[in-house]
């Protein structure tokens, strides 16, 4: 007859193995949101690169500018603000948007599960920066897709005590010049449901050659992207439909804005017409709002012939509100 006492070590080993197996299958604790020197951790543990252009050593910033780039962009797109604003007393933070060309997960580039991730990312980054600089006013500067992210985050994610001191919508995506019929939109949304990660270039969807899309006074989208390391050649249908969903709710978002708002726009924008920009501006109910036009520039205002003018206008607007 087997001695029960001799069987105990084997039983203990079995129980220990089961316990270790259970522990390995348990979800691991996510890193807490955090600002690091050249990267940051978002609400869900996602780590993304970022850049900071600080005010001169020994001085306290008058204000902070958080810059959010556009589709197929990167934080490095804001080098001009990084060169001009710190000397005027403003520290500039620019983070790389998830799903774009600097996303560390290559398979995620050109894709997003939900636009809510973009909004929560900006909310998280904003609160981290506020914690880093207590009592200093924080402003947002969003370009193109970044303008949508800023608009909708300000409208729906924060409250009056946490809101930015003001937001700048540069080359705002107020609508699309290219008309998408209801039937074509239905087909796109159905395809996005059935095959959400199918990819298309912007030229494919718009029916134009990207080499002919003017983005600055002297360059086209094709020539710019040919020398841009963070260029994304195609985007998933679900990312494109998520952007479409933000566009649909632009009017409601604009009506909820109460902080100062600055529009920086060009009548030559490839995405939105002047009438669409003017309409979105009129829907903003903030008691302090301003719209500036740059008639010789195209979509990439900070990289075009009037970029110094844009930087100067921005600095003057910040000075009035940083007081």
C-alpha atoms as a PDB file:
ATOM      1  CA  UNK A   1       0.000   0.000   0.000  1.00  0.00           C
ATOM      2  CA  UNK A   2       1.356   3.476  -0.992  1.00  0.00           C
ATOM      3  CA  UNK A   3       2.204   5.754   1.875  1.00  0.00           C
ATOM      4  CA  UNK A   4       0.081   8.957   1.564  1.00  0.00           C
ATOM      5  CA  UNK A   5       2.885  10.978   3.070  1.00  0.00           C
ATOM      6  CA  UNK A   6       5.220  10.023   0.189  1.00  0.00           C
ATOM      7  CA  UNK A   7       2.676  11.265  -2.357  1.00  0.00           C
ATOM      8  CA  UNK A   8       2.563  14.793  -0.900  1.00  0.00           C
ATOM      9  CA  UNK A   9       5.696  16.212  -2.618  1.00  0.00           C
ATOM     10  CA  UNK A  10       4.390  15.186  -6.034  1.00  0.00           C
ATOM     11  CA  UNK A  11       0.986  16.689  -5.276  1.00  0.00           C
ATOM     12  CA  UNK A  12       2.603  19.907  -4.094  1.00  0.00           C
ATOM     13  CA  UNK A  13       4.643  20.127  -7.294  1.00  0.00           C
ATOM     14  CA  UNK A  14       1.489  19.637  -9.356  1.00  0.00           C
ATOM     15  CA  UNK A  15      -0.353  22.365  -7.444  1.00  0.00           C
ATOM     16  CA  UNK A  16       2.642  24.683  -7.793  1.00  0.00           C
ATOM     17  CA  UNK A  17       2.771  24.119 -11.553  1.00  0.00           C
ATOM     18  CA  UNK A  18      -0.964  24.842 -11.856  1.00  0.00           C
ATOM     19  CA  UNK A  19      -0.553  28.022  -9.824  1.00  0.00           C
ATOM     20  CA  UNK A  20       2.338  29.242 -11.960  1.00  0.00           C
ATOM     21  CA  UNK A  21       0.391  28.468 -15.105  1.00  0.00           C
ATOM     22  CA  UNK A  22      -2.581  30.456 -13.835  1.00  0.00           C
ATOM     23  CA  UNK A  23      -0.340  33.386 -12.940  1.00  0.00           C
ATOM     24  CA  UNK A  24       1.237  33.420 -16.394  1.00  0.00           C
ATOM     25  CA  UNK A  25      -2.197  33.668 -18.008  1.00  0.00           C
ATOM     26  CA  UNK A  26      -3.280  36.589 -15.816  1.00  0.00           C
ATOM     27  CA  UNK A  27      -3.134  40.023 -17.474  1.00  0.00           C
ATOM     28  CA  UNK A  28       0.054  41.893 -16.691  1.00  0.00           C
ATOM     29  CA  UNK A  29      -0.145  45.264 -14.990  1.00  0.00           C
ATOM     30  CA  UNK A  30       0.081  48.101 -17.510  1.00  0.00           C
ATOM     31  CA  UNK A  31       2.610  50.880 -17.040  1.00  0.00           C
ATOM     32  CA  UNK A  32       1.089  54.022 -15.580  1.00  0.00           C
ATOM     33  CA  UNK A  33       0.829  57.129 -17.789  1.00  0.00           C
ATOM     34  CA  UNK A  34       4.151  58.919 -17.668  1.00  0.00           C
ATOM     35  CA  UNK A  35       6.191  61.605 -19.410  1.00  0.00           C
ATOM     36  CA  UNK A  36       9.739  60.552 -20.225  1.00  0.00           C
ATOM     37  CA  UNK A  37      12.557  62.507 -21.922  1.00  0.00           C
ATOM     38  CA  UNK A  38      11.874  61.253 -25.481  1.00  0.00           C
ATOM     39  CA  UNK A  39       8.734  59.175 -25.111  1.00  0.00           C
ATOM     40  CA  UNK A  40       5.557  58.899 -23.087  1.00  0.00           C
ATOM     41  CA  UNK A  41       3.176  56.240 -21.800  1.00  0.00           C
ATOM     42  CA  UNK A  42      -0.527  56.655 -22.551  1.00  0.00           C
ATOM     43  CA  UNK A  43      -3.628  55.552 -20.633  1.00  0.00           C
ATOM     44  CA  UNK A  44      -3.480  51.954 -21.929  1.00  0.00           C
ATOM     45  CA  UNK A  45       0.276  51.411 -21.577  1.00  0.00           C
ATOM     46  CA  UNK A  46       1.034  52.352 -25.194  1.00  0.00           C
ATOM     47  CA  UNK A  47       4.527  53.850 -25.416  1.00  0.00           C
ATOM     48  CA  UNK A  48       5.036  56.465 -28.124  1.00  0.00           C
ATOM     49  CA  UNK A  49       7.955  58.763 -29.006  1.00  0.00           C
ATOM     50  CA  UNK A  50       7.704  62.495 -28.367  1.00  0.00           C
ATOM     51  CA  UNK A  51       9.806  65.647 -28.607  1.00  0.00           C
ATOM     52  CA  UNK A  52      10.246  68.652 -26.343  1.00  0.00           C
ATOM     53  CA  UNK A  53      11.645  72.098 -27.113  1.00  0.00           C
ATOM     54  CA  UNK A  54      12.110  73.765 -23.733  1.00  0.00           C
ATOM     55  CA  UNK A  55      12.535  77.412 -22.776  1.00  0.00           C
ATOM     56  CA  UNK A  56      16.114  78.503 -21.970  1.00  0.00           C
ATOM     57  CA  UNK A  57      17.645  76.911 -18.880  1.00  0.00           C
ATOM     58  CA  UNK A  58      16.888  78.855 -15.724  1.00  0.00           C
ATOM     59  CA  UNK A  59      13.662  80.437 -16.970  1.00  0.00           C
ATOM     60  CA  UNK A  60      10.090  79.417 -16.242  1.00  0.00           C
ATOM     61  CA  UNK A  61       7.750  79.019 -19.246  1.00  0.00           C
ATOM     62  CA  UNK A  62       4.976  81.561 -19.731  1.00  0.00           C
ATOM     63  CA  UNK A  63       2.942  78.855 -21.382  1.00  0.00           C
ATOM     64  CA  UNK A  64       3.049  75.362 -22.851  1.00  0.00           C
ATOM     65  CA  UNK A  65       2.087  74.361 -26.401  1.00  0.00           C
ATOM     66  CA  UNK A  66       1.104  70.758 -27.114  1.00  0.00           C
ATOM     67  CA  UNK A  67       1.355  70.101 -30.861  1.00  0.00           C
ATOM     68  CA  UNK A  68      -0.610  67.306 -32.554  1.00  0.00           C
ATOM     69  CA  UNK A  69       0.402  66.413 -36.112  1.00  0.00           C
ATOM     70  CA  UNK A  70      -1.659  65.305 -39.074  1.00  0.00           C
ATOM     71  CA  UNK A  71      -2.175  62.167 -41.144  1.00  0.00           C
ATOM     72  CA  UNK A  72       1.152  60.549 -42.088  1.00  0.00           C
ATOM     73  CA  UNK A  73       2.912  63.205 -40.007  1.00  0.00           C
ATOM     74  CA  UNK A  74       5.264  63.132 -37.031  1.00  0.00           C
ATOM     75  CA  UNK A  75       6.284  65.260 -34.062  1.00  0.00           C
ATOM     76  CA  UNK A  76       9.322  66.465 -36.026  1.00  0.00           C
ATOM     77  CA  UNK A  77       6.926  68.399 -38.297  1.00  0.00           C
ATOM     78  CA  UNK A  78       6.864  71.055 -35.566  1.00  0.00           C
ATOM     79  CA  UNK A  79      10.530  72.010 -35.770  1.00  0.00           C
ATOM     80  CA  UNK A  80       9.603  75.611 -36.652  1.00  0.00           C
ATOM     81  CA  UNK A  81       7.561  76.052 -33.460  1.00  0.00           C
ATOM     82  CA  UNK A  82      10.417  74.386 -31.587  1.00  0.00           C
ATOM     83  CA  UNK A  83      12.811  76.982 -32.966  1.00  0.00           C
ATOM     84  CA  UNK A  84      10.630  80.072 -32.518  1.00  0.00           C
ATOM     85  CA  UNK A  85       8.443  79.680 -29.429  1.00  0.00           C
ATOM     86  CA  UNK A  86      10.906  78.758 -26.619  1.00  0.00           C
ATOM     87  CA  UNK A  87      12.760  82.057 -27.105  1.00  0.00           C
ATOM     88  CA  UNK A  88       9.418  83.796 -26.485  1.00  0.00           C
ATOM     89  CA  UNK A  89       8.812  81.840 -23.282  1.00  0.00           C
ATOM     90  CA  UNK A  90       6.811  78.841 -24.522  1.00  0.00           C
ATOM     91  CA  UNK A  91       7.867  75.219 -24.107  1.00  0.00           C
ATOM     92  CA  UNK A  92       6.660  73.042 -26.991  1.00  0.00           C
ATOM     93  CA  UNK A  93       5.695  69.389 -26.578  1.00  0.00           C
ATOM     94  CA  UNK A  94       4.907  67.336 -29.686  1.00  0.00           C
ATOM     95  CA  UNK A  95       3.897  63.700 -29.427  1.00  0.00           C
ATOM     96  CA  UNK A  96       3.607  61.146 -32.203  1.00  0.00           C
ATOM     97  CA  UNK A  97       0.041  60.061 -32.880  1.00  0.00           C
ATOM     98  CA  UNK A  98      -0.661  56.347 -32.592  1.00  0.00           C
ATOM     99  CA  UNK A  99      -1.267  54.571 -35.875  1.00  0.00           C
ATOM    100  CA  UNK A 100       0.952  56.993 -37.781  1.00  0.00           C
ATOM    101  CA  UNK A 101       4.459  56.732 -39.196  1.00  0.00           C
ATOM    102  CA  UNK A 102       6.360  56.750 -35.886  1.00  0.00           C
ATOM    103  CA  UNK A 103       4.207  54.122 -34.159  1.00  0.00           C
ATOM    104  CA  UNK A 104       6.693  51.574 -32.736  1.00  0.00           C
ATOM    105  CA  UNK A 105       4.337  48.745 -33.760  1.00  0.00           C
ATOM    106  CA  UNK A 106       4.854  48.684 -37.524  1.00  0.00           C
ATOM    107  CA  UNK A 107       1.683  46.649 -38.153  1.00  0.00           C
ATOM    108  CA  UNK A 108      -0.351  49.434 -36.507  1.00  0.00           C
ATOM    109  CA  UNK A 109       0.875  52.176 -38.842  1.00  0.00           C
ATOM    110  CA  UNK A 110      -2.001  53.437 -40.952  1.00  0.00           C
ATOM    111  CA  UNK A 111      -4.579  51.851 -38.651  1.00  0.00           C
ATOM    112  CA  UNK A 112      -6.660  52.739 -35.588  1.00  0.00           C
ATOM    113  CA  UNK A 113      -9.288  50.706 -33.788  1.00  0.00           C
ATOM    114  CA  UNK A 114     -11.294  53.720 -32.683  1.00  0.00           C
ATOM    115  CA  UNK A 115     -10.931  57.495 -32.874  1.00  0.00           C
ATOM    116  CA  UNK A 116     -11.589  57.498 -29.122  1.00  0.00           C
ATOM    117  CA  UNK A 117      -8.026  56.256 -28.699  1.00  0.00           C
ATOM    118  CA  UNK A 118      -6.730  59.481 -30.266  1.00  0.00           C
ATOM    119  CA  UNK A 119      -8.921  61.592 -27.984  1.00  0.00           C
ATOM    120  CA  UNK A 120      -7.893  59.717 -24.841  1.00  0.00           C
ATOM    121  CA  UNK A 121      -4.238  59.984 -25.860  1.00  0.00           C
ATOM    122  CA  UNK A 122      -4.425  63.786 -26.067  1.00  0.00           C
ATOM    123  CA  UNK A 123      -6.377  63.962 -22.809  1.00  0.00           C
ATOM    124  CA  UNK A 124      -3.741  61.815 -21.083  1.00  0.00           C
ATOM    125  CA  UNK A 125      -0.808  63.758 -22.532  1.00  0.00           C
ATOM    126  CA  UNK A 126      -2.419  67.068 -21.556  1.00  0.00           C
ATOM    127  CA  UNK A 127      -2.927  65.991 -17.946  1.00  0.00           C
ATOM    128  CA  UNK A 128       0.669  64.721 -17.739  1.00  0.00           C
ATOM    129  CA  UNK A 129       1.995  68.055 -19.032  1.00  0.00           C
ATOM    130  CA  UNK A 130      -0.202  69.999 -16.606  1.00  0.00           C
ATOM    131  CA  UNK A 131       1.163  67.918 -13.751  1.00  0.00           C
ATOM    132  CA  UNK A 132       4.694  68.673 -14.962  1.00  0.00           C
ATOM    133  CA  UNK A 133       3.993  72.431 -15.123  1.00  0.00           C
ATOM    134  CA  UNK A 134       1.459  73.317 -12.419  1.00  0.00           C
ATOM    135  CA  UNK A 135      -0.081  76.745 -12.794  1.00  0.00           C
ATOM    136  CA  UNK A 136       1.257  77.303 -16.332  1.00  0.00           C
ATOM    137  CA  UNK A 137      -1.373  77.736 -19.099  1.00  0.00           C
ATOM    138  CA  UNK A 138      -1.405  74.896 -21.638  1.00  0.00           C
ATOM    139  CA  UNK A 139      -2.427  75.466 -25.274  1.00  0.00           C
ATOM    140  CA  UNK A 140      -3.040  72.957 -28.056  1.00  0.00           C
ATOM    141  CA  UNK A 141      -1.940  73.304 -31.681  1.00  0.00           C
ATOM    142  CA  UNK A 142      -3.475  70.735 -34.036  1.00  0.00           C
ATOM    143  CA  UNK A 143      -2.829  70.524 -37.762  1.00  0.00           C
ATOM    144  CA  UNK A 144      -5.153  68.723 -40.206  1.00  0.00           C
ATOM    145  CA  UNK A 145      -6.010  65.392 -38.530  1.00  0.00           C
ATOM    146  CA  UNK A 146      -4.484  66.909 -35.397  1.00  0.00           C
ATOM    147  CA  UNK A 147      -7.068  69.698 -35.601  1.00  0.00           C
ATOM    148  CA  UNK A 148      -9.843  67.093 -35.504  1.00  0.00           C
ATOM    149  CA  UNK A 149      -8.240  65.412 -32.489  1.00  0.00           C
ATOM    150  CA  UNK A 150      -7.911  68.746 -30.659  1.00  0.00           C
ATOM    151  CA  UNK A 151     -11.441  69.869 -31.535  1.00  0.00           C
ATOM    152  CA  UNK A 152     -13.159  66.678 -30.403  1.00  0.00           C
ATOM    153  CA  UNK A 153     -11.020  66.144 -27.304  1.00  0.00           C
ATOM    154  CA  UNK A 154     -11.671  69.694 -26.117  1.00  0.00           C
ATOM    155  CA  UNK A 155     -15.384  69.249 -26.783  1.00  0.00           C
ATOM    156  CA  UNK A 156     -15.939  65.907 -25.111  1.00  0.00           C
ATOM    157  CA  UNK A 157     -13.092  64.630 -22.935  1.00  0.00           C
ATOM    158  CA  UNK A 158     -12.206  67.347 -20.433  1.00  0.00           C
ATOM    159  CA  UNK A 159     -14.056  69.682 -18.070  1.00  0.00           C
ATOM    160  CA  UNK A 160     -13.721  73.396 -17.408  1.00  0.00           C
ATOM    161  CA  UNK A 161     -11.089  72.986 -14.670  1.00  0.00           C
ATOM    162  CA  UNK A 162      -8.855  70.827 -16.865  1.00  0.00           C
ATOM    163  CA  UNK A 163      -9.450  72.387 -20.279  1.00  0.00           C
ATOM    164  CA  UNK A 164      -6.574  73.896 -22.265  1.00  0.00           C
ATOM    165  CA  UNK A 165      -6.223  77.669 -22.042  1.00  0.00           C
ATOM    166  CA  UNK A 166      -6.867  77.820 -25.790  1.00  0.00           C
ATOM    167  CA  UNK A 167      -6.719  75.703 -28.931  1.00  0.00           C
ATOM    168  CA  UNK A 168      -5.312  76.400 -32.398  1.00  0.00           C
ATOM    169  CA  UNK A 169      -6.835  74.594 -35.380  1.00  0.00           C
ATOM    170  CA  UNK A 170      -4.392  74.832 -38.291  1.00  0.00           C
ATOM    171  CA  UNK A 171      -5.537  73.723 -41.750  1.00  0.00           C
ATOM    172  CA  UNK A 172      -8.719  72.534 -40.023  1.00  0.00           C
ATOM    173  CA  UNK A 173     -10.502  69.607 -41.628  1.00  0.00           C
ATOM    174  CA  UNK A 174     -13.870  71.338 -41.683  1.00  0.00           C
ATOM    175  CA  UNK A 175     -15.216  69.090 -44.423  1.00  0.00           C
ATOM    176  CA  UNK A 176     -14.097  67.470 -47.663  1.00  0.00           C
ATOM    177  CA  UNK A 177     -14.006  69.175 -51.036  1.00  0.00           C
ATOM    178  CA  UNK A 178     -14.380  65.768 -52.672  1.00  0.00           C
ATOM    179  CA  UNK A 179     -18.048  64.831 -52.483  1.00  0.00           C
ATOM    180  CA  UNK A 180     -18.710  61.246 -51.397  1.00  0.00           C
ATOM    181  CA  UNK A 181     -22.145  60.045 -52.448  1.00  0.00           C
ATOM    182  CA  UNK A 182     -24.383  58.338 -49.920  1.00  0.00           C
ATOM    183  CA  UNK A 183     -24.129  55.085 -51.862  1.00  0.00           C
ATOM    184  CA  UNK A 184     -20.327  55.194 -52.019  1.00  0.00           C
ATOM    185  CA  UNK A 185     -20.174  55.959 -48.303  1.00  0.00           C
ATOM    186  CA  UNK A 186     -22.486  53.012 -47.617  1.00  0.00           C
ATOM    187  CA  UNK A 187     -20.165  50.761 -49.619  1.00  0.00           C
ATOM    188  CA  UNK A 188     -17.099  52.030 -47.748  1.00  0.00           C
ATOM    189  CA  UNK A 189     -18.695  51.563 -44.330  1.00  0.00           C
ATOM    190  CA  UNK A 190     -19.894  48.077 -45.261  1.00  0.00           C
ATOM    191  CA  UNK A 191     -16.416  47.160 -46.523  1.00  0.00           C
ATOM    192  CA  UNK A 192     -14.903  48.565 -43.309  1.00  0.00           C
ATOM    193  CA  UNK A 193     -17.196  46.306 -41.277  1.00  0.00           C
ATOM    194  CA  UNK A 194     -16.431  43.206 -43.343  1.00  0.00           C
ATOM    195  CA  UNK A 195     -12.725  43.865 -43.862  1.00  0.00           C
ATOM    196  CA  UNK A 196     -11.647  46.655 -41.483  1.00  0.00           C
ATOM    197  CA  UNK A 197      -7.927  46.295 -42.151  1.00  0.00           C
ATOM    198  CA  UNK A 198      -8.135  46.484 -45.935  1.00  0.00           C
ATOM    199  CA  UNK A 199      -5.877  49.309 -47.075  1.00  0.00           C
ATOM    200  CA  UNK A 200      -6.182  52.078 -49.620  1.00  0.00           C
ATOM    201  CA  UNK A 201      -4.141  55.145 -50.458  1.00  0.00           C
ATOM    202  CA  UNK A 202      -5.736  58.576 -50.246  1.00  0.00           C
ATOM    203  CA  UNK A 203      -5.314  58.890 -53.999  1.00  0.00           C
ATOM    204  CA  UNK A 204      -7.258  55.659 -54.546  1.00  0.00           C
ATOM    205  CA  UNK A 205     -10.219  56.901 -52.543  1.00  0.00           C
ATOM    206  CA  UNK A 206     -10.208  60.415 -53.991  1.00  0.00           C
ATOM    207  CA  UNK A 207      -9.596  59.197 -57.541  1.00  0.00           C
ATOM    208  CA  UNK A 208      -6.569  61.464 -58.058  1.00  0.00           C
ATOM    209  CA  UNK A 209      -2.839  61.077 -58.541  1.00  0.00           C
ATOM    210  CA  UNK A 210      -1.118  61.971 -55.240  1.00  0.00           C
ATOM    211  CA  UNK A 211       1.726  63.544 -57.224  1.00  0.00           C
ATOM    212  CA  UNK A 212      -0.719  66.264 -58.259  1.00  0.00           C
ATOM    213  CA  UNK A 213      -1.943  67.115 -54.748  1.00  0.00           C
ATOM    214  CA  UNK A 214      -0.436  70.505 -53.866  1.00  0.00           C
ATOM    215  CA  UNK A 215       0.534  70.718 -50.166  1.00  0.00           C
ATOM    216  CA  UNK A 216       2.858  73.749 -50.221  1.00  0.00           C
ATOM    217  CA  UNK A 217       3.431  76.584 -52.681  1.00  0.00           C
ATOM    218  CA  UNK A 218       6.252  74.630 -54.302  1.00  0.00           C
ATOM    219  CA  UNK A 219       5.720  70.931 -53.478  1.00  0.00           C
ATOM    220  CA  UNK A 220       3.143  68.197 -53.945  1.00  0.00           C
ATOM    221  CA  UNK A 221       2.090  65.415 -51.613  1.00  0.00           C
ATOM    222  CA  UNK A 222       3.989  62.907 -53.732  1.00  0.00           C
ATOM    223  CA  UNK A 223       7.265  64.845 -53.688  1.00  0.00           C
ATOM    224  CA  UNK A 224       6.982  65.551 -49.948  1.00  0.00           C
ATOM    225  CA  UNK A 225       6.300  61.937 -49.039  1.00  0.00           C
ATOM    226  CA  UNK A 226       9.164  60.702 -51.219  1.00  0.00           C
ATOM    227  CA  UNK A 227      11.625  62.320 -48.814  1.00  0.00           C
ATOM    228  CA  UNK A 228       9.677  61.730 -45.582  1.00  0.00           C
ATOM    229  CA  UNK A 229      10.691  58.703 -43.552  1.00  0.00           C
ATOM    230  CA  UNK A 230       7.407  58.578 -41.623  1.00  0.00           C
ATOM    231  CA  UNK A 231       5.270  58.538 -44.766  1.00  0.00           C
ATOM    232  CA  UNK A 232       2.409  56.006 -44.777  1.00  0.00           C
ATOM    233  CA  UNK A 233       1.387  54.874 -48.242  1.00  0.00           C
ATOM    234  CA  UNK A 234      -1.997  53.383 -47.313  1.00  0.00           C
ATOM    235  CA  UNK A 235      -4.579  53.449 -44.532  1.00  0.00           C
ATOM    236  CA  UNK A 236      -7.103  50.924 -43.280  1.00  0.00           C
ATOM    237  CA  UNK A 237     -10.766  51.364 -44.042  1.00  0.00           C
ATOM    238  CA  UNK A 238     -11.601  51.506 -40.360  1.00  0.00           C
ATOM    239  CA  UNK A 239      -9.175  54.404 -39.816  1.00  0.00           C
ATOM    240  CA  UNK A 240     -10.724  56.297 -42.710  1.00  0.00           C
ATOM    241  CA  UNK A 241     -14.269  55.658 -41.483  1.00  0.00           C
ATOM    242  CA  UNK A 242     -13.288  56.774 -37.966  1.00  0.00           C
ATOM    243  CA  UNK A 243     -12.077  60.068 -39.448  1.00  0.00           C
ATOM    244  CA  UNK A 244     -15.365  60.288 -41.331  1.00  0.00           C
ATOM    245  CA  UNK A 245     -17.216  59.869 -38.058  1.00  0.00           C
ATOM    246  CA  UNK A 246     -15.312  62.795 -36.531  1.00  0.00           C
ATOM    247  CA  UNK A 247     -16.133  64.948 -39.556  1.00  0.00           C
ATOM    248  CA  UNK A 248     -19.830  64.121 -39.202  1.00  0.00           C
ATOM    249  CA  UNK A 249     -19.869  65.407 -35.615  1.00  0.00           C
ATOM    250  CA  UNK A 250     -17.747  68.526 -36.212  1.00  0.00           C
ATOM    251  CA  UNK A 251     -20.705  70.936 -35.844  1.00  0.00           C
ATOM    252  CA  UNK A 252     -21.751  69.560 -32.447  1.00  0.00           C
ATOM    253  CA  UNK A 253     -18.145  69.585 -31.232  1.00  0.00           C
ATOM    254  CA  UNK A 254     -17.628  73.198 -32.358  1.00  0.00           C
ATOM    255  CA  UNK A 255     -20.735  74.319 -30.461  1.00  0.00           C
ATOM    256  CA  UNK A 256     -19.343  72.923 -27.200  1.00  0.00           C
ATOM    257  CA  UNK A 257     -16.088  74.896 -27.289  1.00  0.00           C
ATOM    258  CA  UNK A 258     -15.811  77.616 -24.641  1.00  0.00           C
ATOM    259  CA  UNK A 259     -12.059  78.302 -24.506  1.00  0.00           C
ATOM    260  CA  UNK A 260     -10.320  80.760 -26.872  1.00  0.00           C
ATOM    261  CA  UNK A 261      -9.992  79.313 -30.400  1.00  0.00           C
ATOM    262  CA  UNK A 262      -7.695  80.356 -33.254  1.00  0.00           C
ATOM    263  CA  UNK A 263      -8.222  79.102 -36.819  1.00  0.00           C
ATOM    264  CA  UNK A 264      -5.210  79.228 -39.171  1.00  0.00           C
ATOM    265  CA  UNK A 265      -6.404  78.457 -42.686  1.00  0.00           C
ATOM    266  CA  UNK A 266      -5.691  78.810 -46.380  1.00  0.00           C
ATOM    267  CA  UNK A 267      -8.170  79.149 -49.261  1.00  0.00           C
ATOM    268  CA  UNK A 268      -5.896  76.799 -51.225  1.00  0.00           C
ATOM    269  CA  UNK A 269      -6.345  73.825 -48.889  1.00  0.00           C
ATOM    270  CA  UNK A 270      -6.675  70.521 -50.727  1.00  0.00           C
ATOM    271  CA  UNK A 271      -9.091  69.063 -48.153  1.00  0.00           C
ATOM    272  CA  UNK A 272     -11.561  71.750 -47.078  1.00  0.00           C
ATOM    273  CA  UNK A 273     -13.048  74.644 -49.011  1.00  0.00           C
ATOM    274  CA  UNK A 274     -13.042  78.214 -47.631  1.00  0.00           C
ATOM    275  CA  UNK A 275     -16.834  77.999 -47.192  1.00  0.00           C
ATOM    276  CA  UNK A 276     -16.495  74.806 -45.128  1.00  0.00           C
ATOM    277  CA  UNK A 277     -13.834  76.399 -42.908  1.00  0.00           C
ATOM    278  CA  UNK A 278     -15.951  79.551 -42.484  1.00  0.00           C
ATOM    279  CA  UNK A 279     -19.004  77.460 -41.598  1.00  0.00           C
ATOM    280  CA  UNK A 280     -17.147  75.477 -38.920  1.00  0.00           C
ATOM    281  CA  UNK A 281     -15.701  78.715 -37.517  1.00  0.00           C
ATOM    282  CA  UNK A 282     -19.187  80.230 -37.293  1.00  0.00           C
ATOM    283  CA  UNK A 283     -20.375  77.184 -35.317  1.00  0.00           C
ATOM    284  CA  UNK A 284     -17.783  77.760 -32.568  1.00  0.00           C
ATOM    285  CA  UNK A 285     -19.565  79.388 -29.615  1.00  0.00           C
ATOM    286  CA  UNK A 286     -16.462  80.507 -27.756  1.00  0.00           C
ATOM    287  CA  UNK A 287     -16.669  84.212 -26.863  1.00  0.00           C
ATOM    288  CA  UNK A 288     -13.038  84.529 -27.997  1.00  0.00           C
ATOM    289  CA  UNK A 289     -12.342  83.222 -31.484  1.00  0.00           C
ATOM    290  CA  UNK A 290     -10.347  84.371 -34.491  1.00  0.00           C
ATOM    291  CA  UNK A 291      -9.829  83.187 -38.079  1.00  0.00           C
ATOM    292  CA  UNK A 292      -6.674  84.080 -40.032  1.00  0.00           C
ATOM    293  CA  UNK A 293      -6.193  83.341 -43.741  1.00  0.00           C
ATOM    294  CA  UNK A 294      -2.859  82.760 -45.531  1.00  0.00           C
ATOM    295  CA  UNK A 295      -3.606  83.289 -49.189  1.00  0.00           C
ATOM    296  CA  UNK A 296      -0.210  82.299 -50.629  1.00  0.00           C
ATOM    297  CA  UNK A 297       0.076  79.044 -48.686  1.00  0.00           C
ATOM    298  CA  UNK A 298      -1.300  75.543 -49.022  1.00  0.00           C
ATOM    299  CA  UNK A 299      -2.155  72.748 -46.572  1.00  0.00           C
ATOM    300  CA  UNK A 300       1.194  72.519 -44.722  1.00  0.00           C
ATOM    301  CA  UNK A 301       1.230  76.040 -43.303  1.00  0.00           C
ATOM    302  CA  UNK A 302       4.323  75.587 -41.129  1.00  0.00           C
ATOM    303  CA  UNK A 303       6.327  74.394 -44.149  1.00  0.00           C
ATOM    304  CA  UNK A 304       5.153  76.927 -46.701  1.00  0.00           C
ATOM    305  CA  UNK A 305       6.140  80.402 -47.896  1.00  0.00           C
ATOM    306  CA  UNK A 306       4.236  82.176 -45.080  1.00  0.00           C
ATOM    307  CA  UNK A 307       5.506  80.018 -42.227  1.00  0.00           C
ATOM    308  CA  UNK A 308       7.265  82.907 -40.459  1.00  0.00           C
ATOM    309  CA  UNK A 309       4.058  84.908 -40.606  1.00  0.00           C
ATOM    310  CA  UNK A 310       2.145  81.949 -39.149  1.00  0.00           C
ATOM    311  CA  UNK A 311       4.667  81.609 -36.295  1.00  0.00           C
ATOM    312  CA  UNK A 312       4.494  85.337 -35.512  1.00  0.00           C
ATOM    313  CA  UNK A 313       0.687  85.400 -35.521  1.00  0.00           C
ATOM    314  CA  UNK A 314       0.636  82.370 -33.232  1.00  0.00           C
ATOM    315  CA  UNK A 315       3.109  83.945 -30.794  1.00  0.00           C
ATOM    316  CA  UNK A 316       1.052  87.155 -30.601  1.00  0.00           C
ATOM    317  CA  UNK A 317      -2.138  85.176 -29.955  1.00  0.00           C
ATOM    318  CA  UNK A 318      -0.406  83.150 -27.216  1.00  0.00           C
ATOM    319  CA  UNK A 319       0.977  86.317 -25.594  1.00  0.00           C
ATOM    320  CA  UNK A 320      -2.508  87.769 -25.205  1.00  0.00           C
ATOM    321  CA  UNK A 321      -3.811  84.629 -23.517  1.00  0.00           C
ATOM    322  CA  UNK A 322      -0.769  83.703 -21.424  1.00  0.00           C
ATOM    323  CA  UNK A 323      -1.290  86.875 -19.391  1.00  0.00           C
END
